[in-house]
C-alpha atoms as a PDB file:
ATOM      1  CA  MET A   1     102.234 101.478  95.904  1.00  0.00           C
ATOM      2  CA  ILE A   2     101.736  97.753  96.470  1.00  0.00           C
ATOM      3  CA  LYS A   3      99.872  95.741  93.848  1.00  0.00           C
ATOM      4  CA  ILE A   4      99.050  92.111  93.061  1.00  0.00           C
ATOM      5  CA  GLY A   5     102.228  90.216  92.189  1.00  0.00           C
ATOM      6  CA  ASP A   6     104.488  92.236  94.511  1.00  0.00           C
ATOM      7  CA  TRP A   7     106.261  90.653  97.473  1.00  0.00           C
ATOM      8  CA  ILE A   8     105.523  92.234 100.856  1.00  0.00           C
ATOM      9  CA  ARG A   9     106.687  91.719 104.430  1.00  0.00           C
ATOM     10  CA  THR A  10     105.589  92.649 107.926  1.00  0.00           C
ATOM     11  CA  ASP A  11     107.520  93.828 110.980  1.00  0.00           C
ATOM     12  CA  LEU A  12     107.041  90.336 112.431  1.00  0.00           C
ATOM     13  CA  GLY A  13     108.946  88.722 109.560  1.00  0.00           C
ATOM     14  CA  LEU A  14     106.019  87.295 107.591  1.00  0.00           C
ATOM     15  CA  SER A  15     106.469  87.701 103.853  1.00  0.00           C
ATOM     16  CA  GLY A  16     104.732  86.571 100.713  1.00  0.00           C
ATOM     17  CA  ARG A  17     103.505  87.356  97.215  1.00  0.00           C
ATOM     18  CA  VAL A  18     100.306  89.410  97.037  1.00  0.00           C
ATOM     19  CA  ILE A  19      97.545  87.392  95.361  1.00  0.00           C
ATOM     20  CA  GLY A  20      94.520  89.511  96.278  1.00  0.00           C
ATOM     21  CA  THR A  21      92.841  91.956  98.616  1.00  0.00           C
ATOM     22  CA  GLY A  22      90.091  91.682 101.174  1.00  0.00           C
ATOM     23  CA  VAL A  23      89.042  92.592 104.689  1.00  0.00           C
ATOM     24  CA  LEU A  24      89.701  91.018 108.079  1.00  0.00           C
ATOM     25  CA  THR A  25      87.008  90.426 110.709  1.00  0.00           C
ATOM     26  CA  THR A  26      83.695  92.180 111.034  1.00  0.00           C
ATOM     27  CA  ARG A  27      85.542  95.484 111.464  1.00  0.00           C
ATOM     28  CA  GLU A  28      86.494  95.205 107.797  1.00  0.00           C
ATOM     29  CA  TRP A  29      90.174  96.104 108.172  1.00  0.00           C
ATOM     30  CA  PRO A  30      91.826  96.342 104.719  1.00  0.00           C
ATOM     31  CA  ALA A  31      94.076  93.337 104.129  1.00  0.00           C
ATOM     32  CA  TRP A  32      96.353  91.729 101.569  1.00  0.00           C
ATOM     33  CA  LYS A  33      95.865  88.068 100.708  1.00  0.00           C
ATOM     34  CA  ILE A  34      99.341  86.548 100.306  1.00  0.00           C
ATOM     35  CA  GLU A  35     100.980  83.256  99.410  1.00  0.00           C
ATOM     36  CA  THR A  36     104.066  82.561 101.514  1.00  0.00           C
ATOM     37  CA  ARG A  37     107.234  80.882 100.195  1.00  0.00           C
ATOM     38  CA  ASP A  38     106.063  77.516 101.527  1.00  0.00           C
ATOM     39  CA  GLY A  39     102.760  77.797  99.641  1.00  0.00           C
ATOM     40  CA  LYS A  40     100.469  78.744 102.522  1.00  0.00           C
ATOM     41  CA  ILE A  41      97.717  81.297 101.947  1.00  0.00           C
ATOM     42  CA  THR A  42      97.110  83.907 104.644  1.00  0.00           C
ATOM     43  CA  ALA A  43      96.075  87.529 105.075  1.00  0.00           C
ATOM     44  CA  VAL A  44      97.872  90.467 106.650  1.00  0.00           C
ATOM     45  CA  LEU A  45      96.676  93.965 107.484  1.00  0.00           C
ATOM     46  CA  LYS A  46      97.628  96.447 104.778  1.00  0.00           C
ATOM     47  CA  GLU A  47      98.803  98.950 107.395  1.00  0.00           C
ATOM     48  CA  ASP A  48     101.321  96.414 108.788  1.00  0.00           C
ATOM     49  CA  THR A  49     103.089  95.725 105.477  1.00  0.00           C
ATOM     50  CA  GLU A  50     105.794  97.221 103.315  1.00  0.00           C
ATOM     51  CA  LEU A  51     106.873  96.529  99.756  1.00  0.00           C
ATOM     52  CA  TRP A  52     109.725  94.043  99.692  1.00  0.00           C
ATOM     53  CA  VAL A  53     110.217  93.147  96.008  1.00  0.00           C
ATOM     54  CA  LYS A  54     108.310  94.659  93.105  1.00  0.00           C
ATOM     55  CA  GLY A  55     106.496  92.087  90.951  1.00  0.00           C
ATOM     56  CA  ASP A  56     106.528  91.844  87.162  1.00  0.00           C
END
């Protein structure tokens, strides 16, 4: 189970530390809010991610 503080990645190679949850678009798709290694904040669909490194 993924939680805030864990590192996740997608099939497309995007990875980052989970900093929150939310929804994307008006369809309200469940999403993770992440901070990438270079400090950018973005969101990815929960269904497209896998746990990479467990957080503290």
